[in-house]
Amino acid sequence: MNEERIMRLWSDILGIPVTSPDDDFFDMGGQSLAMVQFLARVESEFGVVLPIEVLFAGDLTASGAARAIQEILDEEGEDVDALLAEVDALPAGDIRALTGDRTWHE
């Protein structure tokens, strides 16, 4: 679960055990440098660029961060699905033209 992964990241970054997904990052001693480390780790481990405004919209908890990450992952998945549907609807000749593939078979 993403909450548990976030809690492990925070424990690593903050150097203290994070035991609840409702603990606030800043109340546990998180500062701007720790936040930058967290954002970098989220991008590395989840493949998501977490907008900084999400982090300051209210209390920053592992639960809230996990929800924000999941929402972004869900949106990206929808974008990919829509793009694949568009490609599937293209005639083979259009796909050849777009990809430069001369070996395309219908």
Protein backbone atom coordinates (compact mmCIF):
# COMPACT_ATOMS: atom_id res chain seq x y z
CA MET A 1 0.00 0.00 0.00
CA ASN A 2 1.27 3.49 -0.82
CA GLU A 3 0.70 4.79 2.73
CA GLU A 4 3.19 2.28 4.09
CA ARG A 5 5.72 3.19 1.40
CA ILE A 6 5.31 6.88 2.21
CA MET A 7 5.76 6.18 5.92
CA ARG A 8 9.00 4.29 5.17
CA LEU A 9 10.23 7.18 3.02
CA TRP A 10 9.48 9.66 5.78
CA SER A 11 11.22 7.47 8.36
CA ASP A 12 14.31 7.35 6.13
CA ILE A 13 14.26 11.08 5.41
CA LEU A 14 13.39 12.30 8.90
CA GLY A 15 15.42 9.70 10.77
CA ILE A 16 12.54 8.82 13.11
CA PRO A 17 9.94 6.07 13.05
CA VAL A 18 6.67 7.08 11.43
CA THR A 19 3.99 4.89 12.94
CA SER A 20 0.73 6.37 11.71
CA PRO A 21 -0.45 7.41 8.24
CA ASP A 22 -2.10 10.38 9.96
CA ASP A 23 1.15 11.83 11.38
CA ASP A 24 1.89 15.26 9.94
CA PHE A 25 5.21 15.61 8.09
CA PHE A 26 5.93 19.07 9.47
CA ASP A 27 4.88 18.20 13.03
CA MET A 28 7.46 15.39 12.93
CA GLY A 29 10.22 17.87 12.12
CA GLY A 30 10.04 17.95 8.33
CA GLN A 31 11.51 21.10 6.81
CA SER A 32 12.05 22.38 3.29
CA LEU A 33 15.17 20.30 2.61
CA ALA A 34 13.39 17.16 3.80
CA MET A 35 10.46 18.09 1.56
CA VAL A 36 12.76 18.33 -1.45
CA GLN A 37 14.18 14.91 -0.60
CA PHE A 38 10.67 13.52 -0.29
CA LEU A 39 9.62 14.93 -3.68
CA ALA A 40 12.73 13.43 -5.31
CA ARG A 41 12.08 10.04 -3.73
CA VAL A 42 8.41 10.09 -4.82
CA GLU A 43 9.49 10.76 -8.39
CA SER A 44 12.11 8.02 -8.23
CA GLU A 45 9.98 5.36 -6.54
CA PHE A 46 6.52 6.10 -7.95
CA GLY A 47 7.40 7.80 -11.24
CA VAL A 48 5.20 10.73 -10.23
CA VAL A 49 5.97 14.44 -10.04
CA LEU A 50 3.97 15.52 -7.03
CA PRO A 51 2.90 19.17 -7.35
CA ILE A 52 4.16 21.17 -4.40
CA GLU A 53 0.78 22.86 -3.94
CA VAL A 54 -0.65 19.44 -3.02
CA LEU A 55 1.77 19.29 -0.13
CA PHE A 56 0.71 22.63 1.31
CA ALA A 57 -3.05 22.32 0.70
CA GLY A 58 -3.60 21.21 4.31
CA ASP A 59 -2.00 18.86 6.76
CA LEU A 60 0.62 16.75 5.02
CA THR A 61 0.08 13.17 6.13
CA ALA A 62 1.27 9.91 4.62
CA SER A 63 -2.36 9.11 3.94
CA GLY A 64 -2.90 12.40 2.08
CA ALA A 65 0.33 12.07 0.11
CA ALA A 66 -0.58 8.50 -0.88
CA ARG A 67 -3.99 9.68 -2.11
CA ALA A 68 -2.42 12.48 -4.16
CA ILE A 69 0.08 10.05 -5.71
CA GLN A 70 -2.67 7.56 -6.54
CA GLU A 71 -4.82 10.27 -8.14
CA ILE A 72 -1.93 11.26 -10.40
CA LEU A 73 -1.24 7.62 -11.31
CA ASP A 74 -4.93 7.10 -12.11
CA GLU A 75 -5.04 10.22 -14.31
CA GLU A 76 -1.90 9.16 -16.18
CA GLY A 77 -3.41 5.72 -16.74
CA GLU A 78 -6.55 7.29 -18.19
CA ASP A 79 -4.42 9.42 -20.53
CA VAL A 80 -2.56 6.34 -21.78
CA ASP A 81 -5.81 4.42 -22.27
CA ALA A 82 -7.29 7.30 -24.30
CA LEU A 83 -4.16 7.52 -26.46
CA LEU A 84 -4.16 3.77 -27.12
CA ALA A 85 -7.84 3.95 -28.11
CA GLU A 86 -7.01 6.71 -30.61
CA VAL A 87 -4.18 4.64 -32.09
CA ASP A 88 -6.41 1.57 -32.33
CA ALA A 89 -8.96 3.62 -34.30
CA LEU A 90 -6.40 4.74 -36.91
CA PRO A 91 -6.28 3.02 -40.29
CA ALA A 92 -3.06 1.03 -40.86
CA GLY A 93 -1.91 3.49 -43.53
CA ASP A 94 -2.07 6.36 -41.06
CA ILE A 95 -0.08 4.37 -38.52
CA ARG A 96 2.57 3.66 -41.16
CA ALA A 97 2.74 7.34 -42.02
CA LEU A 98 3.06 8.35 -38.38
CA THR A 99 5.72 5.80 -37.50
CA GLY A 100 7.60 5.68 -40.79
CA ASP A 101 7.13 1.89 -40.65
CA ARG A 102 7.25 0.44 -44.15
CA THR A 103 6.78 -3.13 -42.87
CA TRP A 104 3.36 -2.62 -41.25
CA HIS A 105 0.93 -5.47 -42.00
CA GLU A 106 -2.81 -5.01 -41.87
